[in-house]
Every structure is written in structure tokens, then in C-alpha cells.
Amino acid sequence: MNPANPYPDDPAQERALAFDFVQTAPDRFASHVIPSGLLRLYGGMVAAQALATAQATVPEDKAVHSLHAYFLKPGLTDRPLDFSVRRLTDGRSFAARQISVTQDDKPIVEMMASFQTDEAGRTHAFAMPDVPPPDDLPILEDLFAAHRDTLPDRHRPYWLRRQQLEWRPCEPFLFGQSEVLPPRRNFWFRMKQPLQATEAEHRRWLVYASDFHIFQTGLLPLGLGWDSNYLQTSSLDHAIWFHGAVDMNEWMLYALETPAASGARTLSRGSMYRADGTLIATVTQQGLLRELAQEREGKI
């Protein structure tokens, strides 16, 4: 535990355990418990773990090109998860897998993932937004540390824990927001510690990263603060399409926007670019957004 941070966290331990599964039967896997100081599992980690178990059943010449996960029930951090992979198709170019994630025999996540061999083809993509370079921007962890005394109690374990990723916001990062703003935000990000791994594992960590900050963009045009204790929020579904190779050690830009909110739901999308402007992934997420009459308690 970091003496300057009272919450149990160990990025090295988290990285070592994240994809170190116990195989319990053919195409069935169990995760380790990773101490985090949180009450609920982070959806990006569960999706990345589900992808890892699917990758274990697919030939190495096929890489994930798309996935779609439905978050059915919050997972608890004090017990393992069970992953069951169903082999739907295995063709010459494509393979498809369905991954069912359960905890205590209750469904947590259902995910579909499709894999493809490397194939040449014509390309085009939207241009990367014009934003300041990462070296000119503040480190998000430093901003949270500077605001630690004003963070609501229920948010401290999540945001003050040591992180796997370094984030640098391109726009001012707001605490206790009440101003109405356009639903767009941009973040640079990369792994804090070098990741010596295969392309398959780099794609897992990109899935992990993709669940950060995407929901918060939908609060901006409503004048709501991400740190409010009068909100109930949760990821409902999450999809990613990969357009190119991933290197989590290099800076990438996550350009986020939320085109719609209705029915207590937000719809957000993100584009991930290499620093040279190459689009490498597209993300969409629908999230639950409920405003509460009474203040929430407990950890997020």
C-alpha cells in the first residue's frame, strides 16, 4: 500500500493477476481476486478479461477486430469471476466467440467478440482533433491529488488509487461542475509503466482504457458533475471496433462525445488515435444516468 494513499492498491499486482486465469474446464476460466479498495468491479477490466479468455481459444493469427459487451449486474471485488467461452465459428478468415461472465452463478456480463486474420484493404478515417500535445498538459492523477480534500468520500477510493494508465486532459478537468458545456472531451493516455507484451495483450489493455471518461462526457451538457453524490450511473453496454495495431506504451488520443441522452440513458462514442493521427479504435457506450433526491452513500 502506498503510505501517501490509504487505499489498498498495487498496479504491479493488478497487472500480474489481471489475465492470469485458472482453467477449470475446457473453455472455462476463473479469475483471481485483485484487491482494489473498490466495492464494484470496473467494467473495463471485466471486458478486458473476457476478451483474454476468448483469445485463449482463437489461433494466434486472428486478432480481435470487434467486441460488444452487455453489463447485466454489478460485480463485487471480493470474489472471483467465472468465464465460459462458446466457440461460435472458426473460419479461414474469421472466428467468433461468446463469453459469459458469472459471479456466484449469477450473470455479470455477456460479450460477443469477432476475430480476423490480417488482411489488406483500402482505408479512410476521420481526422484527429486538433489538441495540445501531451507534454503541455497536466497529469490527471496530480489534479486528483490536489483536490483530494474536496472529493466526496465515496469517490476517494476510486480516484486516489494508483492507476495503470497516465491520463492528460486536453480541456480543464472540472470538479463539482454546474456549468453547462458541450458534450465533448479529449484525453491523451498511455501505460504508466512499460508493457512488454504481445499485440493481443495490448488490445486487452486498450479495452481496459476504453471505459474511462467516456460516460462523463454525457454529463457536461446537463450541467451535472461526475463527482455528484446525487447521481446513479452505470455502464449498460460497451462496444469497440479495432482499426489497426495497438501500442499502449505510446501516447494515444481518446476523443469523446455524447450525441444523445434520453430515457435515463446516455449514448457516448469515442475515437482513439495514435499521436501521428492514425485512427486505431472506435468505441461506443450506453450508460444509465439517474438523478436522485437523496444523497448516495458508500463506495462507487
C-alpha atoms as a PDB file:
ATOM      1  CA  MET A   1       0.000   0.000   0.000  1.00  0.00           C
ATOM      2  CA  ASN A   2       1.222   3.469  -0.831  1.00  0.00           C
ATOM      3  CA  PRO A   3       1.870   5.297   2.512  1.00  0.00           C
ATOM      4  CA  ALA A   4       0.579   8.522   0.947  1.00  0.00           C
ATOM      5  CA  ASN A   5      -2.589   6.756  -0.207  1.00  0.00           C
ATOM      6  CA  PRO A   6      -4.696   4.877   2.391  1.00  0.00           C
ATOM      7  CA  TYR A   7      -6.473   2.739  -0.186  1.00  0.00           C
ATOM      8  CA  PRO A   8      -5.216  -0.783  -0.995  1.00  0.00           C
ATOM      9  CA  ASP A   9      -3.787  -0.716  -4.472  1.00  0.00           C
ATOM     10  CA  ASP A  10      -0.832  -2.248  -6.262  1.00  0.00           C
ATOM     11  CA  PRO A  11      -0.637  -1.651 -10.028  1.00  0.00           C
ATOM     12  CA  ALA A  12       2.076  -4.304 -10.430  1.00  0.00           C
ATOM     13  CA  GLN A  13      -0.045  -6.904  -8.651  1.00  0.00           C
ATOM     14  CA  GLU A  14      -3.121  -5.890 -10.644  1.00  0.00           C
ATOM     15  CA  ARG A  15      -1.214  -6.230 -13.911  1.00  0.00           C
ATOM     16  CA  ALA A  16       0.219  -9.618 -12.914  1.00  0.00           C
ATOM     17  CA  LEU A  17      -3.161 -11.042 -11.868  1.00  0.00           C
ATOM     18  CA  ALA A  18      -5.448  -9.412 -14.429  1.00  0.00           C
ATOM     19  CA  PHE A  19      -5.037 -12.068 -17.127  1.00  0.00           C
ATOM     20  CA  ASP A  20      -3.610 -14.936 -15.057  1.00  0.00           C
ATOM     21  CA  PHE A  21      -6.591 -17.282 -15.125  1.00  0.00           C
ATOM     22  CA  VAL A  22      -7.168 -20.723 -13.662  1.00  0.00           C
ATOM     23  CA  GLN A  23      -8.571 -23.036 -16.318  1.00  0.00           C
ATOM     24  CA  THR A  24     -11.340 -25.007 -14.630  1.00  0.00           C
ATOM     25  CA  ALA A  25     -12.551 -26.976 -17.680  1.00  0.00           C
ATOM     26  CA  PRO A  26     -12.237 -26.790 -21.467  1.00  0.00           C
ATOM     27  CA  ASP A  27     -13.001 -23.170 -22.451  1.00  0.00           C
ATOM     28  CA  ARG A  28     -13.820 -22.261 -18.841  1.00  0.00           C
ATOM     29  CA  PHE A  29     -11.678 -19.969 -16.703  1.00  0.00           C
ATOM     30  CA  ALA A  30     -11.680 -18.388 -13.235  1.00  0.00           C
ATOM     31  CA  SER A  31     -10.108 -15.046 -12.337  1.00  0.00           C
ATOM     32  CA  HIS A  32      -8.137 -14.065  -9.257  1.00  0.00           C
ATOM     33  CA  VAL A  33      -9.383 -11.589  -6.674  1.00  0.00           C
ATOM     34  CA  ILE A  34      -7.487  -8.315  -7.171  1.00  0.00           C
ATOM     35  CA  PRO A  35      -7.541  -6.051  -4.067  1.00  0.00           C
ATOM     36  CA  SER A  36      -8.570  -2.554  -5.089  1.00  0.00           C
ATOM     37  CA  GLY A  37     -10.391  -0.837  -2.233  1.00  0.00           C
ATOM     38  CA  LEU A  38     -13.462  -0.590  -4.503  1.00  0.00           C
ATOM     39  CA  LEU A  39     -16.912  -2.016  -3.928  1.00  0.00           C
ATOM     40  CA  ARG A  40     -17.809  -2.768  -7.543  1.00  0.00           C
ATOM     41  CA  LEU A  41     -15.717  -4.213 -10.341  1.00  0.00           C
ATOM     42  CA  TYR A  42     -14.524  -1.803 -13.025  1.00  0.00           C
ATOM     43  CA  GLY A  43     -16.340  -2.734 -16.224  1.00  0.00           C
ATOM     44  CA  GLY A  44     -13.335  -2.089 -18.452  1.00  0.00           C
ATOM     45  CA  MET A  45     -11.308  -4.693 -16.585  1.00  0.00           C
ATOM     46  CA  VAL A  46     -14.072  -7.309 -16.789  1.00  0.00           C
ATOM     47  CA  ALA A  47     -14.442  -6.716 -20.540  1.00  0.00           C
ATOM     48  CA  ALA A  48     -10.664  -6.980 -21.000  1.00  0.00           C
ATOM     49  CA  GLN A  49     -10.606 -10.238 -19.025  1.00  0.00           C
ATOM     50  CA  ALA A  50     -13.495 -11.626 -21.076  1.00  0.00           C
ATOM     51  CA  LEU A  51     -11.545 -10.789 -24.231  1.00  0.00           C
ATOM     52  CA  ALA A  52      -8.450 -12.528 -22.826  1.00  0.00           C
ATOM     53  CA  THR A  53     -10.356 -15.770 -22.232  1.00  0.00           C
ATOM     54  CA  ALA A  54     -11.746 -15.640 -25.782  1.00  0.00           C
ATOM     55  CA  GLN A  55      -8.254 -15.002 -27.174  1.00  0.00           C
ATOM     56  CA  ALA A  56      -7.080 -18.183 -25.439  1.00  0.00           C
ATOM     57  CA  THR A  57      -9.422 -20.190 -27.707  1.00  0.00           C
ATOM     58  CA  VAL A  58      -8.532 -18.477 -31.006  1.00  0.00           C
ATOM     59  CA  PRO A  59      -5.448 -19.147 -33.196  1.00  0.00           C
ATOM     60  CA  GLU A  60      -2.744 -16.502 -32.825  1.00  0.00           C
ATOM     61  CA  ASP A  61      -3.066 -15.451 -36.483  1.00  0.00           C
ATOM     62  CA  LYS A  62      -6.507 -13.967 -35.749  1.00  0.00           C
ATOM     63  CA  ALA A  63      -6.788 -10.683 -33.821  1.00  0.00           C
ATOM     64  CA  VAL A  64      -9.926  -9.234 -32.265  1.00  0.00           C
ATOM     65  CA  HIS A  65     -11.474  -6.642 -34.579  1.00  0.00           C
ATOM     66  CA  SER A  66     -14.725  -6.002 -32.695  1.00  0.00           C
ATOM     67  CA  LEU A  67     -16.487  -6.801 -29.446  1.00  0.00           C
ATOM     68  CA  HIS A  68     -19.785  -5.890 -27.805  1.00  0.00           C
ATOM     69  CA  ALA A  69     -20.401  -6.371 -24.087  1.00  0.00           C
ATOM     70  CA  TYR A  70     -23.626  -6.059 -22.094  1.00  0.00           C
ATOM     71  CA  PHE A  71     -23.196  -5.323 -18.386  1.00  0.00           C
ATOM     72  CA  LEU A  72     -26.028  -7.186 -16.687  1.00  0.00           C
ATOM     73  CA  LYS A  73     -25.241  -6.876 -12.989  1.00  0.00           C
ATOM     74  CA  PRO A  74     -22.561  -5.125 -10.904  1.00  0.00           C
ATOM     75  CA  GLY A  75     -19.710  -7.414  -9.896  1.00  0.00           C
ATOM     76  CA  LEU A  76     -18.179  -7.467  -6.422  1.00  0.00           C
ATOM     77  CA  THR A  77     -14.432  -7.110  -5.889  1.00  0.00           C
ATOM     78  CA  ASP A  78     -14.024  -9.632  -3.060  1.00  0.00           C
ATOM     79  CA  ARG A  79     -14.674 -12.808  -5.053  1.00  0.00           C
ATOM     80  CA  PRO A  80     -13.526 -14.280  -8.386  1.00  0.00           C
ATOM     81  CA  LEU A  81     -15.320 -14.336 -11.713  1.00  0.00           C
ATOM     82  CA  ASP A  82     -16.042 -17.357 -13.888  1.00  0.00           C
ATOM     83  CA  PHE A  83     -15.697 -17.107 -17.678  1.00  0.00           C
ATOM     84  CA  SER A  84     -17.304 -19.542 -20.110  1.00  0.00           C
ATOM     85  CA  VAL A  85     -16.325 -19.259 -23.792  1.00  0.00           C
ATOM     86  CA  ARG A  86     -18.551 -20.630 -26.533  1.00  0.00           C
ATOM     87  CA  ARG A  87     -16.913 -21.228 -29.930  1.00  0.00           C
ATOM     88  CA  LEU A  88     -19.466 -19.974 -32.449  1.00  0.00           C
ATOM     89  CA  THR A  89     -17.500 -20.067 -35.704  1.00  0.00           C
ATOM     90  CA  ASP A  90     -13.951 -20.883 -36.846  1.00  0.00           C
ATOM     91  CA  GLY A  91     -13.446 -19.977 -40.490  1.00  0.00           C
ATOM     92  CA  ARG A  92     -10.347 -19.317 -42.569  1.00  0.00           C
ATOM     93  CA  SER A  93     -10.566 -15.540 -42.089  1.00  0.00           C
ATOM     94  CA  PHE A  94     -12.901 -15.026 -39.136  1.00  0.00           C
ATOM     95  CA  ALA A  95     -13.684 -16.599 -35.774  1.00  0.00           C
ATOM     96  CA  ALA A  96     -16.455 -15.626 -33.336  1.00  0.00           C
ATOM     97  CA  ARG A  97     -16.785 -16.227 -29.611  1.00  0.00           C
ATOM     98  CA  GLN A  98     -19.477 -15.672 -26.992  1.00  0.00           C
ATOM     99  CA  ILE A  99     -18.193 -15.090 -23.461  1.00  0.00           C
ATOM    100  CA  SER A 100     -20.459 -15.460 -20.424  1.00  0.00           C
ATOM    101  CA  VAL A 101     -19.154 -13.962 -17.182  1.00  0.00           C
ATOM    102  CA  THR A 102     -20.716 -15.041 -13.896  1.00  0.00           C
ATOM    103  CA  GLN A 103     -20.104 -14.478 -10.191  1.00  0.00           C
ATOM    104  CA  ASP A 104     -21.639 -16.832  -7.645  1.00  0.00           C
ATOM    105  CA  ASP A 105     -23.515 -18.406 -10.601  1.00  0.00           C
ATOM    106  CA  LYS A 106     -25.199 -15.072 -11.422  1.00  0.00           C
ATOM    107  CA  PRO A 107     -24.682 -13.433 -14.832  1.00  0.00           C
ATOM    108  CA  ILE A 108     -22.470 -10.333 -14.785  1.00  0.00           C
ATOM    109  CA  VAL A 109     -21.511  -9.741 -18.427  1.00  0.00           C
ATOM    110  CA  GLU A 110     -22.386 -11.227 -21.811  1.00  0.00           C
ATOM    111  CA  MET A 111     -19.926 -10.428 -24.591  1.00  0.00           C
ATOM    112  CA  MET A 112     -19.520 -11.266 -28.262  1.00  0.00           C
ATOM    113  CA  ALA A 113     -16.116 -10.918 -29.928  1.00  0.00           C
ATOM    114  CA  SER A 114     -15.045 -11.394 -33.540  1.00  0.00           C
ATOM    115  CA  PHE A 115     -11.509 -12.153 -34.728  1.00  0.00           C
ATOM    116  CA  GLN A 116      -9.925 -11.821 -38.176  1.00  0.00           C
ATOM    117  CA  THR A 117      -6.680 -12.677 -39.896  1.00  0.00           C
ATOM    118  CA  ASP A 118      -4.581  -9.719 -41.076  1.00  0.00           C
ATOM    119  CA  GLU A 119      -5.907  -8.592 -44.425  1.00  0.00           C
ATOM    120  CA  ALA A 120      -5.021  -5.689 -46.736  1.00  0.00           C
ATOM    121  CA  GLY A 121      -7.680  -3.260 -47.903  1.00  0.00           C
ATOM    122  CA  ARG A 122      -8.395   0.367 -48.722  1.00  0.00           C
ATOM    123  CA  THR A 123      -8.542   2.786 -45.811  1.00  0.00           C
ATOM    124  CA  HIS A 124     -10.008   6.119 -44.784  1.00  0.00           C
ATOM    125  CA  ALA A 125     -10.835   7.726 -41.428  1.00  0.00           C
ATOM    126  CA  PHE A 126     -11.913  10.985 -39.844  1.00  0.00           C
ATOM    127  CA  ALA A 127      -9.032  13.275 -38.928  1.00  0.00           C
ATOM    128  CA  MET A 128      -7.795  13.511 -35.353  1.00  0.00           C
ATOM    129  CA  PRO A 129      -8.973  16.613 -33.466  1.00  0.00           C
ATOM    130  CA  ASP A 130      -6.507  19.479 -33.142  1.00  0.00           C
ATOM    131  CA  VAL A 131      -5.465  19.393 -29.481  1.00  0.00           C
ATOM    132  CA  PRO A 132      -2.377  20.403 -27.467  1.00  0.00           C
ATOM    133  CA  PRO A 133       0.408  17.781 -27.215  1.00  0.00           C
ATOM    134  CA  PRO A 134       0.509  15.700 -24.021  1.00  0.00           C
ATOM    135  CA  ASP A 135       3.729  17.265 -22.737  1.00  0.00           C
ATOM    136  CA  ASP A 136       1.903  20.612 -22.473  1.00  0.00           C
ATOM    137  CA  LEU A 137      -0.921  19.225 -20.327  1.00  0.00           C
ATOM    138  CA  PRO A 138      -1.369  18.334 -16.632  1.00  0.00           C
ATOM    139  CA  ILE A 139      -1.349  14.756 -15.338  1.00  0.00           C
ATOM    140  CA  LEU A 140      -4.821  13.763 -14.169  1.00  0.00           C
ATOM    141  CA  GLU A 141      -3.537  11.917 -11.090  1.00  0.00           C
ATOM    142  CA  ASP A 142      -1.903  15.147  -9.924  1.00  0.00           C
ATOM    143  CA  LEU A 143      -5.199  17.002 -10.306  1.00  0.00           C
ATOM    144  CA  PHE A 144      -6.999  14.428  -8.177  1.00  0.00           C
ATOM    145  CA  ALA A 145      -4.280  14.582  -5.535  1.00  0.00           C
ATOM    146  CA  ALA A 146      -4.623  18.366  -5.422  1.00  0.00           C
ATOM    147  CA  HIS A 147      -8.404  18.032  -4.899  1.00  0.00           C
ATOM    148  CA  ARG A 148      -8.290  15.070  -2.521  1.00  0.00           C
ATOM    149  CA  ASP A 149      -9.762  17.056   0.400  1.00  0.00           C
ATOM    150  CA  THR A 150     -12.794  18.166  -1.617  1.00  0.00           C
ATOM    151  CA  LEU A 151     -13.546  14.837  -3.300  1.00  0.00           C
ATOM    152  CA  PRO A 152     -16.709  13.172  -1.963  1.00  0.00           C
ATOM    153  CA  ASP A 153     -15.858  10.293   0.361  1.00  0.00           C
ATOM    154  CA  ARG A 154     -17.379   7.685  -1.938  1.00  0.00           C
ATOM    155  CA  HIS A 155     -15.104   8.723  -4.819  1.00  0.00           C
ATOM    156  CA  ARG A 156     -11.774   8.753  -2.987  1.00  0.00           C
ATOM    157  CA  PRO A 157     -11.012   5.005  -3.168  1.00  0.00           C
ATOM    158  CA  TYR A 158     -11.557   5.020  -6.931  1.00  0.00           C
ATOM    159  CA  TRP A 159      -9.722   8.148  -7.988  1.00  0.00           C
ATOM    160  CA  LEU A 160      -6.912   8.266  -5.427  1.00  0.00           C
ATOM    161  CA  ARG A 161      -5.719   4.730  -6.069  1.00  0.00           C
ATOM    162  CA  ARG A 162      -2.583   4.349  -8.147  1.00  0.00           C
ATOM    163  CA  GLN A 163      -3.523   3.819 -11.771  1.00  0.00           C
ATOM    164  CA  GLN A 164      -2.288   1.631 -14.636  1.00  0.00           C
ATOM    165  CA  LEU A 165      -2.712   4.493 -17.095  1.00  0.00           C
ATOM    166  CA  GLU A 166      -1.426   8.028 -17.314  1.00  0.00           C
ATOM    167  CA  TRP A 167      -4.165  10.429 -18.423  1.00  0.00           C
ATOM    168  CA  ARG A 168      -3.715  14.029 -19.553  1.00  0.00           C
ATOM    169  CA  PRO A 169      -6.918  16.004 -20.179  1.00  0.00           C
ATOM    170  CA  CYS A 170      -6.859  18.418 -23.114  1.00  0.00           C
ATOM    171  CA  GLU A 171      -9.590  20.615 -21.592  1.00  0.00           C
ATOM    172  CA  PRO A 172      -9.911  21.804 -17.973  1.00  0.00           C
ATOM    173  CA  PHE A 173     -10.948  18.863 -15.810  1.00  0.00           C
ATOM    174  CA  LEU A 174     -13.869  20.029 -13.689  1.00  0.00           C
ATOM    175  CA  PHE A 175     -14.648  19.209 -10.073  1.00  0.00           C
ATOM    176  CA  GLY A 176     -18.163  19.879  -8.743  1.00  0.00           C
ATOM    177  CA  GLN A 177     -19.369  21.032 -12.158  1.00  0.00           C
ATOM    178  CA  SER A 178     -22.568  23.069 -12.507  1.00  0.00           C
ATOM    179  CA  GLU A 179     -21.790  24.863 -15.783  1.00  0.00           C
ATOM    180  CA  VAL A 180     -23.468  23.627 -18.978  1.00  0.00           C
ATOM    181  CA  LEU A 181     -20.818  22.707 -21.553  1.00  0.00           C
ATOM    182  CA  PRO A 182     -20.660  20.995 -24.965  1.00  0.00           C
ATOM    183  CA  PRO A 183     -20.581  17.168 -24.705  1.00  0.00           C
ATOM    184  CA  ARG A 184     -17.010  16.744 -25.945  1.00  0.00           C
ATOM    185  CA  ARG A 185     -13.716  15.958 -24.212  1.00  0.00           C
ATOM    186  CA  ASN A 186     -10.250  14.797 -25.275  1.00  0.00           C
ATOM    187  CA  PHE A 187      -7.648  12.889 -23.264  1.00  0.00           C
ATOM    188  CA  TRP A 188      -4.146  11.678 -24.032  1.00  0.00           C
ATOM    189  CA  PHE A 189      -3.314   8.352 -22.381  1.00  0.00           C
ATOM    190  CA  ARG A 190      -0.698   5.589 -22.215  1.00  0.00           C
ATOM    191  CA  MET A 191       0.505   2.920 -19.783  1.00  0.00           C
ATOM    192  CA  LYS A 192       2.362   4.391 -16.819  1.00  0.00           C
ATOM    193  CA  GLN A 193       4.849   1.534 -16.756  1.00  0.00           C
ATOM    194  CA  PRO A 194       6.149  -0.038 -19.998  1.00  0.00           C
ATOM    195  CA  LEU A 195       4.148  -3.016 -21.186  1.00  0.00           C
ATOM    196  CA  GLN A 196       6.289  -5.756 -22.702  1.00  0.00           C
ATOM    197  CA  ALA A 197       3.590  -7.933 -24.229  1.00  0.00           C
ATOM    198  CA  THR A 198       2.030  -9.334 -27.377  1.00  0.00           C
ATOM    199  CA  GLU A 199      -0.339  -7.397 -29.619  1.00  0.00           C
ATOM    200  CA  ALA A 200      -3.171  -9.448 -28.111  1.00  0.00           C
ATOM    201  CA  GLU A 201      -2.401  -8.171 -24.607  1.00  0.00           C
ATOM    202  CA  HIS A 202      -2.007  -4.583 -25.809  1.00  0.00           C
ATOM    203  CA  ARG A 203      -5.548  -4.849 -27.197  1.00  0.00           C
ATOM    204  CA  ARG A 204      -6.789  -6.091 -23.818  1.00  0.00           C
ATOM    205  CA  TRP A 205      -5.358  -3.030 -22.086  1.00  0.00           C
ATOM    206  CA  LEU A 206      -6.936  -0.786 -24.714  1.00  0.00           C
ATOM    207  CA  VAL A 207     -10.302  -2.346 -23.836  1.00  0.00           C
ATOM    208  CA  TYR A 208      -9.482  -1.642 -20.184  1.00  0.00           C
ATOM    209  CA  ALA A 209      -8.720   2.010 -21.020  1.00  0.00           C
ATOM    210  CA  SER A 210     -11.807   2.496 -23.188  1.00  0.00           C
ATOM    211  CA  ASP A 211     -14.229   2.502 -20.219  1.00  0.00           C
ATOM    212  CA  PHE A 212     -12.554   5.510 -18.574  1.00  0.00           C
ATOM    213  CA  HIS A 213     -14.085   9.004 -19.004  1.00  0.00           C
ATOM    214  CA  ILE A 214     -16.483   8.038 -21.788  1.00  0.00           C
ATOM    215  CA  PHE A 215     -19.569   8.313 -19.580  1.00  0.00           C
ATOM    216  CA  GLN A 216     -18.587  11.641 -18.010  1.00  0.00           C
ATOM    217  CA  THR A 217     -18.849  13.421 -21.367  1.00  0.00           C
ATOM    218  CA  GLY A 218     -22.619  12.900 -21.273  1.00  0.00           C
ATOM    219  CA  LEU A 219     -22.919  14.913 -18.054  1.00  0.00           C
ATOM    220  CA  LEU A 220     -21.400  18.090 -19.497  1.00  0.00           C
ATOM    221  CA  PRO A 221     -24.439  19.437 -21.445  1.00  0.00           C
ATOM    222  CA  LEU A 222     -26.660  18.699 -18.431  1.00  0.00           C
ATOM    223  CA  GLY A 223     -24.569  20.753 -16.006  1.00  0.00           C
ATOM    224  CA  LEU A 224     -24.019  17.674 -13.823  1.00  0.00           C
ATOM    225  CA  GLY A 225     -20.756  16.866 -12.073  1.00  0.00           C
ATOM    226  CA  TRP A 226     -19.229  13.396 -12.380  1.00  0.00           C
ATOM    227  CA  ASP A 227     -18.442  13.622  -8.637  1.00  0.00           C
ATOM    228  CA  SER A 228     -22.028  14.323  -7.541  1.00  0.00           C
ATOM    229  CA  ASN A 229     -23.461  12.143  -4.768  1.00  0.00           C
ATOM    230  CA  TYR A 230     -26.934  12.645  -6.245  1.00  0.00           C
ATOM    231  CA  LEU A 231     -26.389  10.503  -9.334  1.00  0.00           C
ATOM    232  CA  GLN A 232     -26.765   6.792 -10.038  1.00  0.00           C
ATOM    233  CA  THR A 233     -24.610   5.841 -13.005  1.00  0.00           C
ATOM    234  CA  SER A 234     -23.576   2.580 -14.609  1.00  0.00           C
ATOM    235  CA  SER A 235     -22.367   1.211 -17.945  1.00  0.00           C
ATOM    236  CA  LEU A 236     -25.107  -0.698 -19.747  1.00  0.00           C
ATOM    237  CA  ASP A 237     -23.285  -1.836 -22.873  1.00  0.00           C
ATOM    238  CA  HIS A 238     -19.902  -1.203 -24.461  1.00  0.00           C
ATOM    239  CA  ALA A 239     -18.623  -1.852 -27.988  1.00  0.00           C
ATOM    240  CA  ILE A 240     -15.205  -1.479 -29.631  1.00  0.00           C
ATOM    241  CA  TRP A 241     -14.018  -1.769 -33.220  1.00  0.00           C
ATOM    242  CA  PHE A 242     -10.272  -2.034 -33.875  1.00  0.00           C
ATOM    243  CA  HIS A 243      -8.802  -0.402 -36.994  1.00  0.00           C
ATOM    244  CA  GLY A 244      -5.072  -1.007 -36.507  1.00  0.00           C
ATOM    245  CA  ALA A 245      -2.251  -2.242 -34.305  1.00  0.00           C
ATOM    246  CA  VAL A 246      -2.174  -1.051 -30.681  1.00  0.00           C
ATOM    247  CA  ASP A 247       0.855   0.080 -28.685  1.00  0.00           C
ATOM    248  CA  MET A 248      -0.183   1.028 -25.159  1.00  0.00           C
ATOM    249  CA  ASN A 249       3.316   2.373 -24.433  1.00  0.00           C
ATOM    250  CA  GLU A 250       2.836   5.256 -26.882  1.00  0.00           C
ATOM    251  CA  TRP A 251       0.614   8.280 -26.427  1.00  0.00           C
ATOM    252  CA  MET A 252      -2.902   7.894 -27.838  1.00  0.00           C
ATOM    253  CA  LEU A 253      -5.682  10.449 -28.010  1.00  0.00           C
ATOM    254  CA  TYR A 254      -9.178   9.488 -26.796  1.00  0.00           C
ATOM    255  CA  ALA A 255     -11.633  11.908 -28.469  1.00  0.00           C
ATOM    256  CA  LEU A 256     -15.019  11.616 -26.739  1.00  0.00           C
ATOM    257  CA  GLU A 257     -18.505  12.943 -27.427  1.00  0.00           C
ATOM    258  CA  THR A 258     -22.057  12.204 -26.304  1.00  0.00           C
ATOM    259  CA  PRO A 259     -24.574  12.857 -29.097  1.00  0.00           C
ATOM    260  CA  ALA A 260     -27.699  11.972 -27.085  1.00  0.00           C
ATOM    261  CA  ALA A 261     -29.268  11.432 -23.668  1.00  0.00           C
ATOM    262  CA  SER A 262     -32.837  10.228 -23.095  1.00  0.00           C
ATOM    263  CA  GLY A 263     -34.817   7.753 -21.019  1.00  0.00           C
ATOM    264  CA  ALA A 264     -32.275   7.951 -18.148  1.00  0.00           C
ATOM    265  CA  ARG A 265     -29.595   6.781 -20.610  1.00  0.00           C
ATOM    266  CA  THR A 266     -26.661   8.440 -22.335  1.00  0.00           C
ATOM    267  CA  LEU A 267     -25.061   7.360 -25.606  1.00  0.00           C
ATOM    268  CA  SER A 268     -21.366   8.192 -25.912  1.00  0.00           C
ATOM    269  CA  ARG A 269     -18.746   7.401 -28.504  1.00  0.00           C
ATOM    270  CA  GLY A 270     -15.007   7.724 -28.679  1.00  0.00           C
ATOM    271  CA  SER A 271     -12.248   7.622 -31.251  1.00  0.00           C
ATOM    272  CA  MET A 272      -8.712   6.534 -30.336  1.00  0.00           C
ATOM    273  CA  TYR A 273      -5.818   7.906 -32.383  1.00  0.00           C
ATOM    274  CA  ARG A 274      -2.083   7.392 -32.426  1.00  0.00           C
ATOM    275  CA  ALA A 275      -0.079  10.572 -31.977  1.00  0.00           C
ATOM    276  CA  ASP A 276       0.526  10.641 -35.762  1.00  0.00           C
ATOM    277  CA  GLY A 277      -3.237  10.910 -36.357  1.00  0.00           C
ATOM    278  CA  THR A 278      -3.923   7.282 -37.297  1.00  0.00           C
ATOM    279  CA  LEU A 279      -7.318   6.078 -36.081  1.00  0.00           C
ATOM    280  CA  ILE A 280      -6.883   2.772 -34.244  1.00  0.00           C
ATOM    281  CA  ALA A 281     -10.222   2.155 -32.491  1.00  0.00           C
ATOM    282  CA  THR A 282     -13.824   3.342 -32.251  1.00  0.00           C
ATOM    283  CA  VAL A 283     -15.810   2.951 -29.017  1.00  0.00           C
ATOM    284  CA  THR A 284     -19.490   3.341 -28.141  1.00  0.00           C
ATOM    285  CA  GLN A 285     -21.162   3.061 -24.755  1.00  0.00           C
ATOM    286  CA  GLN A 286     -24.677   3.427 -23.415  1.00  0.00           C
ATOM    287  CA  GLY A 287     -24.858   4.348 -19.752  1.00  0.00           C
ATOM    288  CA  LEU A 288     -27.501   4.635 -17.059  1.00  0.00           C
ATOM    289  CA  LEU A 289     -27.998   8.152 -15.681  1.00  0.00           C
ATOM    290  CA  ARG A 290     -30.466   8.709 -12.838  1.00  0.00           C
ATOM    291  CA  GLU A 291     -30.730  11.848 -10.737  1.00  0.00           C
ATOM    292  CA  LEU A 292     -31.502  11.077  -7.096  1.00  0.00           C
ATOM    293  CA  ALA A 293     -33.472  13.020  -4.499  1.00  0.00           C
ATOM    294  CA  GLN A 294     -31.302  11.701  -1.673  1.00  0.00           C
ATOM    295  CA  GLU A 295     -27.533  11.635  -1.363  1.00  0.00           C
ATOM    296  CA  ARG A 296     -25.855   8.319  -2.138  1.00  0.00           C
ATOM    297  CA  GLU A 297     -23.577   6.688   0.400  1.00  0.00           C
ATOM    298  CA  GLY A 298     -20.884   4.026   0.259  1.00  0.00           C
ATOM    299  CA  LYS A 299     -18.157   3.457  -2.281  1.00  0.00           C
ATOM    300  CA  ILE A 300     -18.609   3.505  -6.045  1.00  0.00           C
END
